């Protein structure tokens, strides 16, 4: 599965962190580079897009508030 990478805001000017990267990698910008509820939802969409459906998948998460919202 391609990487999902939270990065701190603001995005760098004149630099694209995806240049020369692997296809399908997603970069999301958050206030403190931590996962928040919106970013976690985007991660779940990214996971759903790239997950292999031929076998079961278990997603283990901790009790961070963004995972609960």
PDB file of N, CA and C in Angstrom:
ATOM      1  N   UNK A   1       0.840  -1.169   0.000  1.00  0.00           N
ATOM      2  CA  UNK A   1       0.000   0.000   0.000  1.00  0.00           C
ATOM      3  C   UNK A   1       0.888   1.236   0.000  1.00  0.00           C
ATOM      4  N   UNK A   2       0.570   2.219  -0.824  1.00  0.00           N
ATOM      5  CA  UNK A   2       1.344   3.459  -0.820  1.00  0.00           C
ATOM      6  C   UNK A   2       1.215   4.184   0.523  1.00  0.00           C
ATOM      7  N   UNK A   3       2.224   4.935   0.849  1.00  0.00           N
ATOM      8  CA  UNK A   3       2.309   5.665   2.111  1.00  0.00           C
ATOM      9  C   UNK A   3       1.264   6.771   2.210  1.00  0.00           C
ATOM     10  N   UNK A   4       0.736   6.970   3.410  1.00  0.00           N
ATOM     11  CA  UNK A   4      -0.110   8.114   3.738  1.00  0.00           C
ATOM     12  C   UNK A   4       0.683   8.915   4.755  1.00  0.00           C
ATOM     13  N   UNK A   5       1.003  10.159   4.419  1.00  0.00           N
ATOM     14  CA  UNK A   5       1.985  10.921   5.188  1.00  0.00           C
ATOM     15  C   UNK A   5       1.421  12.247   5.674  1.00  0.00           C
ATOM     16  N   UNK A   6       1.100  12.371   6.972  1.00  0.00           N
ATOM     17  CA  UNK A   6       0.707  13.683   7.493  1.00  0.00           C
ATOM     18  C   UNK A   6       1.929  14.589   7.606  1.00  0.00           C
ATOM     19  N   UNK A   7       1.791  15.814   7.184  1.00  0.00           N
ATOM     20  CA  UNK A   7       2.890  16.768   7.177  1.00  0.00           C
ATOM     21  C   UNK A   7       2.408  18.063   7.824  1.00  0.00           C
ATOM     22  N   UNK A   8       3.293  18.825   8.466  1.00  0.00           N
ATOM     23  CA  UNK A   8       2.835  20.055   9.125  1.00  0.00           C
ATOM     24  C   UNK A   8       2.453  21.145   8.127  1.00  0.00           C
ATOM     25  N   UNK A   9       1.445  21.959   8.528  1.00  0.00           N
ATOM     26  CA  UNK A   9       1.091  23.140   7.745  1.00  0.00           C
ATOM     27  C   UNK A   9       2.085  24.231   8.047  1.00  0.00           C
ATOM     28  N   UNK A  10       2.274  25.164   7.197  1.00  0.00           N
ATOM     29  CA  UNK A  10       1.772  25.257   5.829  1.00  0.00           C
ATOM     30  C   UNK A  10       2.607  24.381   4.905  1.00  0.00           C
ATOM     31  N   UNK A  11       2.040  24.027   3.749  1.00  0.00           N
ATOM     32  CA  UNK A  11       2.823  23.264   2.775  1.00  0.00           C
ATOM     33  C   UNK A  11       4.053  24.059   2.345  1.00  0.00           C
ATOM     34  N   UNK A  12       5.140  23.387   2.054  1.00  0.00           N
ATOM     35  CA  UNK A  12       6.335  24.113   1.614  1.00  0.00           C
ATOM     36  C   UNK A  12       6.102  24.829   0.289  1.00  0.00           C
ATOM     37  N   UNK A  13       6.635  26.020   0.166  1.00  0.00           N
ATOM     38  CA  UNK A  13       6.496  26.782  -1.076  1.00  0.00           C
ATOM     39  C   UNK A  13       7.589  26.348  -2.049  1.00  0.00           C
ATOM     40  N   UNK A  14       7.176  26.058  -3.259  1.00  0.00           N
ATOM     41  CA  UNK A  14       8.130  25.712  -4.301  1.00  0.00           C
ATOM     42  C   UNK A  14       8.684  24.302  -4.212  1.00  0.00           C
ATOM     43  N   UNK A  15       8.215  23.516  -3.251  1.00  0.00           N
ATOM     44  CA  UNK A  15       8.693  22.138  -3.106  1.00  0.00           C
ATOM     45  C   UNK A  15       7.486  21.222  -3.027  1.00  0.00           C
ATOM     46  N   UNK A  16       7.475  20.204  -3.856  1.00  0.00           N
ATOM     47  CA  UNK A  16       6.430  19.201  -3.803  1.00  0.00           C
ATOM     48  C   UNK A  16       7.036  17.938  -3.208  1.00  0.00           C
ATOM     49  N   UNK A  17       6.599  17.529  -1.999  1.00  0.00           N
ATOM     50  CA  UNK A  17       7.196  16.351  -1.371  1.00  0.00           C
ATOM     51  C   UNK A  17       6.951  15.063  -2.141  1.00  0.00           C
ATOM     52  N   UNK A  18       6.073  15.103  -3.128  1.00  0.00           N
ATOM     53  CA  UNK A  18       5.785  13.908  -3.912  1.00  0.00           C
ATOM     54  C   UNK A  18       6.656  13.782  -5.162  1.00  0.00           C
ATOM     55  N   UNK A  19       7.418  14.819  -5.512  1.00  0.00           N
ATOM     56  CA  UNK A  19       8.288  14.734  -6.683  1.00  0.00           C
ATOM     57  C   UNK A  19       9.292  13.609  -6.504  1.00  0.00           C
ATOM     58  N   UNK A  20       9.340  12.722  -7.481  1.00  0.00           N
ATOM     59  CA  UNK A  20      10.273  11.605  -7.431  1.00  0.00           C
ATOM     60  C   UNK A  20       9.837  10.507  -6.487  1.00  0.00           C
ATOM     61  N   UNK A  21       8.616  10.592  -5.980  1.00  0.00           N
ATOM     62  CA  UNK A  21       8.124   9.601  -5.025  1.00  0.00           C
ATOM     63  C   UNK A  21       7.425   8.433  -5.707  1.00  0.00           C
ATOM     64  N   UNK A  22       6.921   7.557  -4.902  1.00  0.00           N
ATOM     65  CA  UNK A  22       6.203   6.378  -5.368  1.00  0.00           C
ATOM     66  C   UNK A  22       4.772   6.776  -5.729  1.00  0.00           C
ATOM     67  N   UNK A  23       4.257   6.215  -6.791  1.00  0.00           N
ATOM     68  CA  UNK A  23       2.886   6.512  -7.217  1.00  0.00           C
ATOM     69  C   UNK A  23       1.892   6.114  -6.134  1.00  0.00           C
ATOM     70  N   UNK A  24       0.881   6.947  -5.925  1.00  0.00           N
ATOM     71  CA  UNK A  24      -0.172   6.641  -4.973  1.00  0.00           C
ATOM     72  C   UNK A  24       0.045   7.176  -3.575  1.00  0.00           C
ATOM     73  N   UNK A  25       1.235   7.733  -3.299  1.00  0.00           N
ATOM     74  CA  UNK A  25       1.514   8.296  -1.977  1.00  0.00           C
ATOM     75  C   UNK A  25       0.644   9.531  -1.774  1.00  0.00           C
ATOM     76  N   UNK A  26       0.086   9.683  -0.574  1.00  0.00           N
ATOM     77  CA  UNK A  26      -0.761  10.821  -0.246  1.00  0.00           C
ATOM     78  C   UNK A  26      -0.126  11.622   0.874  1.00  0.00           C
ATOM     79  N   UNK A  27      -0.068  12.940   0.701  1.00  0.00           N
ATOM     80  CA  UNK A  27       0.425  13.838   1.736  1.00  0.00           C
ATOM     81  C   UNK A  27      -0.737  14.717   2.179  1.00  0.00           C
ATOM     82  N   UNK A  28      -0.989  14.764   3.468  1.00  0.00           N
ATOM     83  CA  UNK A  28      -2.014  15.640   4.047  1.00  0.00           C
ATOM     84  C   UNK A  28      -1.327  16.597   4.999  1.00  0.00           C
ATOM     85  N   UNK A  29      -1.778  17.834   5.007  1.00  0.00           N
ATOM     86  CA  UNK A  29      -1.176  18.860   5.863  1.00  0.00           C
ATOM     87  C   UNK A  29      -2.082  19.144   7.054  1.00  0.00           C
ATOM     88  N   UNK A  30      -1.525  19.028   8.262  1.00  0.00           N
ATOM     89  CA  UNK A  30      -2.254  19.280   9.499  1.00  0.00           C
ATOM     90  C   UNK A  30      -1.499  20.318  10.319  1.00  0.00           C
ATOM     91  N   UNK A  31      -2.163  20.855  11.322  1.00  0.00           N
ATOM     92  CA  UNK A  31      -1.566  21.915  12.135  1.00  0.00           C
ATOM     93  C   UNK A  31      -0.252  21.490  12.798  1.00  0.00           C
ATOM     94  N   UNK A  32      -0.215  20.305  13.369  1.00  0.00           N
ATOM     95  CA  UNK A  32       0.972  19.882  14.115  1.00  0.00           C
ATOM     96  C   UNK A  32       1.584  18.583  13.601  1.00  0.00           C
ATOM     97  N   UNK A  33       1.214  18.182  12.400  1.00  0.00           N
ATOM     98  CA  UNK A  33       1.670  16.939  11.790  1.00  0.00           C
ATOM     99  C   UNK A  33       1.129  15.718  12.531  1.00  0.00           C
ATOM    100  N   UNK A  34       0.116  15.937  13.331  1.00  0.00           N
ATOM    101  CA  UNK A  34      -0.542  14.838  14.029  1.00  0.00           C
ATOM    102  C   UNK A  34      -1.826  14.511  13.307  1.00  0.00           C
ATOM    103  N   UNK A  35      -2.275  13.310  13.508  1.00  0.00           N
ATOM    104  CA  UNK A  35      -3.532  12.878  12.926  1.00  0.00           C
ATOM    105  C   UNK A  35      -4.681  13.587  13.645  1.00  0.00           C
ATOM    106  N   UNK A  36      -5.596  14.161  12.876  1.00  0.00           N
ATOM    107  CA  UNK A  36      -6.819  14.705  13.450  1.00  0.00           C
ATOM    108  C   UNK A  36      -7.990  13.940  12.827  1.00  0.00           C
ATOM    109  N   UNK A  37      -9.210  14.258  13.242  1.00  0.00           N
ATOM    110  CA  UNK A  37     -10.370  13.509  12.761  1.00  0.00           C
ATOM    111  C   UNK A  37     -10.536  13.551  11.253  1.00  0.00           C
ATOM    112  N   UNK A  38     -10.331  14.712  10.654  1.00  0.00           N
ATOM    113  CA  UNK A  38     -10.471  14.864   9.199  1.00  0.00           C
ATOM    114  C   UNK A  38      -9.394  14.062   8.474  1.00  0.00           C
ATOM    115  N   UNK A  39      -8.162  14.160   8.964  1.00  0.00           N
ATOM    116  CA  UNK A  39      -7.055  13.441   8.335  1.00  0.00           C
ATOM    117  C   UNK A  39      -7.220  11.931   8.500  1.00  0.00           C
ATOM    118  N   UNK A  40      -7.727  11.494   9.651  1.00  0.00           N
ATOM    119  CA  UNK A  40      -7.955  10.064   9.860  1.00  0.00           C
ATOM    120  C   UNK A  40      -9.015   9.546   8.892  1.00  0.00           C
ATOM    121  N   UNK A  41     -10.054  10.339   8.649  1.00  0.00           N
ATOM    122  CA  UNK A  41     -11.070   9.945   7.674  1.00  0.00           C
ATOM    123  C   UNK A  41     -10.447   9.813   6.284  1.00  0.00           C
ATOM    124  N   UNK A  42      -9.576  10.756   5.920  1.00  0.00           N
ATOM    125  CA  UNK A  42      -8.885  10.670   4.626  1.00  0.00           C
ATOM    126  C   UNK A  42      -7.976   9.450   4.567  1.00  0.00           C
ATOM    127  N   UNK A  43      -7.338   9.112   5.708  1.00  0.00           N
ATOM    128  CA  UNK A  43      -6.509   7.907   5.752  1.00  0.00           C
ATOM    129  C   UNK A  43      -7.361   6.665   5.509  1.00  0.00           C
ATOM    130  N   UNK A  44      -8.531   6.587   6.129  1.00  0.00           N
ATOM    131  CA  UNK A  44      -9.404   5.429   5.928  1.00  0.00           C
ATOM    132  C   UNK A  44      -9.846   5.324   4.470  1.00  0.00           C
ATOM    133  N   UNK A  45     -10.098   6.453   3.816  1.00  0.00           N
ATOM    134  CA  UNK A  45     -10.438   6.442   2.394  1.00  0.00           C
ATOM    135  C   UNK A  45      -9.249   5.965   1.563  1.00  0.00           C
ATOM    136  N   UNK A  46      -8.036   6.405   1.923  1.00  0.00           N
ATOM    137  CA  UNK A  46      -6.808   5.969   1.248  1.00  0.00           C
ATOM    138  C   UNK A  46      -6.637   4.456   1.422  1.00  0.00           C
ATOM    139  N   UNK A  47      -6.832   3.978   2.643  1.00  0.00           N
ATOM    140  CA  UNK A  47      -6.731   2.546   2.929  1.00  0.00           C
ATOM    141  C   UNK A  47      -7.735   1.761   2.106  1.00  0.00           C
ATOM    142  N   UNK A  48      -8.968   2.229   2.066  1.00  0.00           N
ATOM    143  CA  UNK A  48     -10.020   1.554   1.314  1.00  0.00           C
ATOM    144  C   UNK A  48      -9.697   1.490  -0.174  1.00  0.00           C
ATOM    145  N   UNK A  49      -9.091   2.543  -0.689  1.00  0.00           N
ATOM    146  CA  UNK A  49      -8.746   2.606  -2.121  1.00  0.00           C
ATOM    147  C   UNK A  49      -7.648   1.609  -2.488  1.00  0.00           C
ATOM    148  N   UNK A  50      -6.702   1.388  -1.575  1.00  0.00           N
ATOM    149  CA  UNK A  50      -5.528   0.576  -1.901  1.00  0.00           C
ATOM    150  C   UNK A  50      -5.512  -0.804  -1.259  1.00  0.00           C
ATOM    151  N   UNK A  51      -6.521  -1.135  -0.496  1.00  0.00           N
ATOM    152  CA  UNK A  51      -6.516  -2.402   0.233  1.00  0.00           C
ATOM    153  C   UNK A  51      -6.770  -3.566  -0.723  1.00  0.00           C
ATOM    154  N   UNK A  52      -6.212  -4.688  -0.401  1.00  0.00           N
ATOM    155  CA  UNK A  52      -6.411  -5.906  -1.190  1.00  0.00           C
ATOM    156  C   UNK A  52      -7.645  -6.612  -0.646  1.00  0.00           C
ATOM    157  N   UNK A  53      -8.613  -6.903  -1.505  1.00  0.00           N
ATOM    158  CA  UNK A  53      -9.875  -7.471  -1.038  1.00  0.00           C
ATOM    159  C   UNK A  53      -9.871  -8.998  -0.978  1.00  0.00           C
ATOM    160  N   UNK A  54      -8.801  -9.631  -1.433  1.00  0.00           N
ATOM    161  CA  UNK A  54      -8.773 -11.093  -1.453  1.00  0.00           C
ATOM    162  C   UNK A  54      -8.513 -11.707  -0.084  1.00  0.00           C
ATOM    163  N   UNK A  55      -8.163 -10.898   0.897  1.00  0.00           N
ATOM    164  CA  UNK A  55      -7.870 -11.449   2.223  1.00  0.00           C
ATOM    165  C   UNK A  55      -8.350 -10.476   3.300  1.00  0.00           C
ATOM    166  N   UNK A  56      -8.615 -10.992   4.487  1.00  0.00           N
ATOM    167  CA  UNK A  56      -9.052 -10.102   5.574  1.00  0.00           C
ATOM    168  C   UNK A  56      -7.925  -9.176   6.021  1.00  0.00           C
ATOM    169  N   UNK A  57      -8.312  -8.015   6.517  1.00  0.00           N
ATOM    170  CA  UNK A  57      -7.351  -7.036   7.010  1.00  0.00           C
ATOM    171  C   UNK A  57      -7.796  -6.608   8.404  1.00  0.00           C
ATOM    172  N   UNK A  58      -6.830  -6.523   9.318  1.00  0.00           N
ATOM    173  CA  UNK A  58      -7.098  -6.037  10.662  1.00  0.00           C
ATOM    174  C   UNK A  58      -6.366  -4.715  10.817  1.00  0.00           C
ATOM    175  N   UNK A  59      -7.087  -3.677  11.231  1.00  0.00           N
ATOM    176  CA  UNK A  59      -6.509  -2.365  11.456  1.00  0.00           C
ATOM    177  C   UNK A  59      -6.464  -2.128  12.959  1.00  0.00           C
ATOM    178  N   UNK A  60      -5.266  -2.052  13.515  1.00  0.00           N
ATOM    179  CA  UNK A  60      -5.085  -1.795  14.934  1.00  0.00           C
ATOM    180  C   UNK A  60      -4.792  -0.318  15.124  1.00  0.00           C
ATOM    181  N   UNK A  61      -5.556   0.328  15.989  1.00  0.00           N
ATOM    182  CA  UNK A  61      -5.354   1.749  16.264  1.00  0.00           C
ATOM    183  C   UNK A  61      -5.319   1.962  17.774  1.00  0.00           C
ATOM    184  N   UNK A  62      -4.712   3.048  18.172  1.00  0.00           N
ATOM    185  CA  UNK A  62      -4.676   3.368  19.603  1.00  0.00           C
ATOM    186  C   UNK A  62      -5.865   4.252  19.962  1.00  0.00           C
ATOM    187  N   UNK A  63      -5.899   4.769  21.157  1.00  0.00           N
ATOM    188  CA  UNK A  63      -7.067   5.526  21.614  1.00  0.00           C
ATOM    189  C   UNK A  63      -6.911   7.039  21.424  1.00  0.00           C
ATOM    190  N   UNK A  64      -6.147   7.459  20.431  1.00  0.00           N
ATOM    191  CA  UNK A  64      -6.019   8.863  20.120  1.00  0.00           C
ATOM    192  C   UNK A  64      -7.395   9.420  19.762  1.00  0.00           C
ATOM    193  N   UNK A  65      -7.702  10.612  20.224  1.00  0.00           N
ATOM    194  CA  UNK A  65      -9.052  11.163  20.025  1.00  0.00           C
ATOM    195  C   UNK A  65      -9.466  11.234  18.557  1.00  0.00           C
ATOM    196  N   UNK A  66      -8.505  11.446  17.649  1.00  0.00           N
ATOM    197  CA  UNK A  66      -8.864  11.514  16.229  1.00  0.00           C
ATOM    198  C   UNK A  66      -9.387  10.166  15.730  1.00  0.00           C
ATOM    199  N   UNK A  67      -8.988   9.076  16.350  1.00  0.00           N
ATOM    200  CA  UNK A  67      -9.461   7.760  15.933  1.00  0.00           C
ATOM    201  C   UNK A  67     -10.864   7.489  16.475  1.00  0.00           C
ATOM    202  N   UNK A  68     -11.253   8.212  17.483  1.00  0.00           N
ATOM    203  CA  UNK A  68     -12.572   7.999  18.079  1.00  0.00           C
ATOM    204  C   UNK A  68     -13.620   8.875  17.409  1.00  0.00           C
ATOM    205  N   UNK A  69     -13.225  10.092  17.014  1.00  0.00           N
ATOM    206  CA  UNK A  69     -14.189  10.970  16.364  1.00  0.00           C
ATOM    207  C   UNK A  69     -14.566  10.441  15.004  1.00  0.00           C
TER     208      UNK A  69
END
